[in-house]
Amino acid sequence: MNAKNTYRIIDSKGRVLIPKDMRSASGLDYGDIVKLNVHSEGGAYRGRRPVT
């Protein structure tokens, strides 16, 4: 899988839009929980399905 960099602007409410092609490639869907981690090198996100 080739890495793809993309840049997004955080809106006034702190939201970031993840593009549809990235959501599809990551298996993310409406209502999924996204875990955000901040590292000394920068931030990262990881998709995670909610536990039911």
N, C-alpha and C. Protein backbone atom coordinates (compact mmCIF):
# COMPACT_ATOMS: atom_id res chain seq x y z
N MET A 1 0.84 -1.18 0.00
CA MET A 1 0.00 0.00 0.00
C MET A 1 0.88 1.24 0.00
N ASN A 2 0.61 2.14 -0.87
CA ASN A 2 1.36 3.39 -0.94
C ASN A 2 0.83 4.38 0.06
N ALA A 3 1.75 5.06 0.73
CA ALA A 3 1.35 6.10 1.69
C ALA A 3 0.87 7.32 0.92
N LYS A 4 -0.16 7.96 1.44
CA LYS A 4 -0.71 9.16 0.81
C LYS A 4 -0.81 10.24 1.86
N ASN A 5 -0.15 11.34 1.62
CA ASN A 5 -0.24 12.47 2.54
C ASN A 5 -1.34 13.40 2.08
N THR A 6 -2.10 13.89 3.02
CA THR A 6 -3.12 14.89 2.73
C THR A 6 -3.16 15.86 3.89
N TYR A 7 -3.54 17.07 3.62
CA TYR A 7 -3.60 18.10 4.65
C TYR A 7 -5.01 18.63 4.73
N ARG A 8 -5.49 18.84 5.95
CA ARG A 8 -6.84 19.33 6.18
C ARG A 8 -6.80 20.48 7.17
N ILE A 9 -7.77 21.36 7.03
CA ILE A 9 -7.92 22.49 7.95
C ILE A 9 -8.89 22.11 9.06
N ILE A 10 -8.54 22.43 10.28
CA ILE A 10 -9.43 22.22 11.42
C ILE A 10 -10.41 23.38 11.44
N ASP A 11 -11.72 23.08 11.48
CA ASP A 11 -12.71 24.17 11.46
C ASP A 11 -12.85 24.81 12.84
N SER A 12 -13.71 25.80 12.94
CA SER A 12 -13.85 26.57 14.18
C SER A 12 -14.37 25.74 15.35
N LYS A 13 -14.97 24.58 15.06
CA LYS A 13 -15.46 23.68 16.12
C LYS A 13 -14.48 22.55 16.41
N GLY A 14 -13.30 22.59 15.80
CA GLY A 14 -12.27 21.59 16.05
C GLY A 14 -12.42 20.33 15.23
N ARG A 15 -13.25 20.36 14.19
CA ARG A 15 -13.48 19.18 13.36
C ARG A 15 -12.51 19.13 12.19
N VAL A 16 -12.20 17.90 11.78
CA VAL A 16 -11.37 17.67 10.61
C VAL A 16 -12.13 16.70 9.70
N LEU A 17 -12.25 17.05 8.44
CA LEU A 17 -12.91 16.19 7.47
C LEU A 17 -11.90 15.19 6.92
N ILE A 18 -12.19 13.90 7.09
CA ILE A 18 -11.36 12.85 6.50
C ILE A 18 -11.97 12.52 5.14
N PRO A 19 -11.20 12.68 4.06
CA PRO A 19 -11.76 12.45 2.73
C PRO A 19 -12.33 11.04 2.56
N LYS A 20 -13.35 10.93 1.71
CA LYS A 20 -14.05 9.67 1.51
C LYS A 20 -13.12 8.55 1.09
N ASP A 21 -12.19 8.82 0.17
CA ASP A 21 -11.29 7.76 -0.28
C ASP A 21 -10.40 7.25 0.85
N MET A 22 -10.02 8.13 1.77
CA MET A 22 -9.22 7.70 2.93
C MET A 22 -10.07 6.92 3.91
N ARG A 23 -11.33 7.35 4.12
CA ARG A 23 -12.23 6.60 5.01
C ARG A 23 -12.48 5.20 4.47
N SER A 24 -12.72 5.10 3.16
CA SER A 24 -12.96 3.80 2.54
C SER A 24 -11.74 2.90 2.65
N ALA A 25 -10.57 3.44 2.36
CA ALA A 25 -9.33 2.66 2.42
C ALA A 25 -9.03 2.20 3.85
N SER A 26 -9.46 2.99 4.84
CA SER A 26 -9.22 2.66 6.25
C SER A 26 -10.34 1.84 6.86
N GLY A 27 -11.43 1.66 6.12
CA GLY A 27 -12.57 0.92 6.66
C GLY A 27 -13.39 1.72 7.65
N LEU A 28 -13.27 3.05 7.60
CA LEU A 28 -14.03 3.90 8.52
C LEU A 28 -15.41 4.19 7.94
N ASP A 29 -16.40 4.27 8.81
CA ASP A 29 -17.77 4.54 8.38
C ASP A 29 -18.42 5.46 9.41
N TYR A 30 -19.59 5.99 9.05
CA TYR A 30 -20.34 6.87 9.94
C TYR A 30 -20.53 6.21 11.30
N GLY A 31 -20.26 6.93 12.36
CA GLY A 31 -20.46 6.43 13.72
C GLY A 31 -19.27 5.70 14.30
N ASP A 32 -18.25 5.43 13.49
CA ASP A 32 -17.06 4.75 14.00
C ASP A 32 -16.30 5.68 14.95
N ILE A 33 -15.63 5.07 15.88
CA ILE A 33 -14.79 5.81 16.82
C ILE A 33 -13.40 5.92 16.21
N VAL A 34 -12.83 7.11 16.24
CA VAL A 34 -11.48 7.34 15.74
C VAL A 34 -10.60 7.73 16.92
N LYS A 35 -9.59 6.94 17.16
CA LYS A 35 -8.67 7.22 18.25
C LYS A 35 -7.56 8.13 17.74
N LEU A 36 -7.33 9.24 18.42
CA LEU A 36 -6.27 10.18 18.06
C LEU A 36 -5.14 10.08 19.08
N ASN A 37 -3.93 9.96 18.58
CA ASN A 37 -2.74 9.92 19.43
C ASN A 37 -1.83 11.06 19.05
N VAL A 38 -1.23 11.68 20.04
CA VAL A 38 -0.25 12.73 19.79
C VAL A 38 1.10 12.23 20.28
N HIS A 39 2.07 12.23 19.37
CA HIS A 39 3.42 11.80 19.68
C HIS A 39 4.35 12.99 19.58
N SER A 40 5.54 12.86 20.11
CA SER A 40 6.50 13.96 20.03
C SER A 40 6.84 14.31 18.58
N GLU A 41 6.73 13.31 17.66
CA GLU A 41 7.02 13.55 16.25
C GLU A 41 5.83 14.19 15.53
N GLY A 42 4.65 14.12 16.09
CA GLY A 42 3.44 14.63 15.45
C GLY A 42 2.25 13.76 15.80
N GLY A 43 1.12 14.03 15.17
CA GLY A 43 -0.10 13.30 15.49
C GLY A 43 -0.32 12.13 14.54
N ALA A 44 -1.21 11.25 14.94
CA ALA A 44 -1.60 10.12 14.10
C ALA A 44 -3.03 9.75 14.44
N TYR A 45 -3.73 9.14 13.48
CA TYR A 45 -5.07 8.67 13.79
C TYR A 45 -5.16 7.19 13.47
N ARG A 46 -6.11 6.55 14.11
CA ARG A 46 -6.32 5.12 13.89
C ARG A 46 -7.81 4.86 13.96
N GLY A 47 -8.33 4.21 12.94
CA GLY A 47 -9.75 3.89 12.93
C GLY A 47 -10.06 2.73 13.85
N ARG A 48 -11.21 2.77 14.47
CA ARG A 48 -11.59 1.71 15.39
C ARG A 48 -13.11 1.59 15.40
N ARG A 49 -13.61 0.41 15.25
CA ARG A 49 -15.05 0.17 15.30
C ARG A 49 -15.52 0.23 16.76
N PRO A 50 -16.72 0.78 16.98
CA PRO A 50 -17.24 0.81 18.35
C PRO A 50 -17.54 -0.60 18.86
N VAL A 51 -17.34 -0.80 20.12
CA VAL A 51 -17.65 -2.09 20.75
C VAL A 51 -19.13 -2.10 21.12
N THR A 52 -19.84 -3.13 20.69
CA THR A 52 -21.28 -3.21 21.01
C THR A 52 -21.55 -4.38 21.91
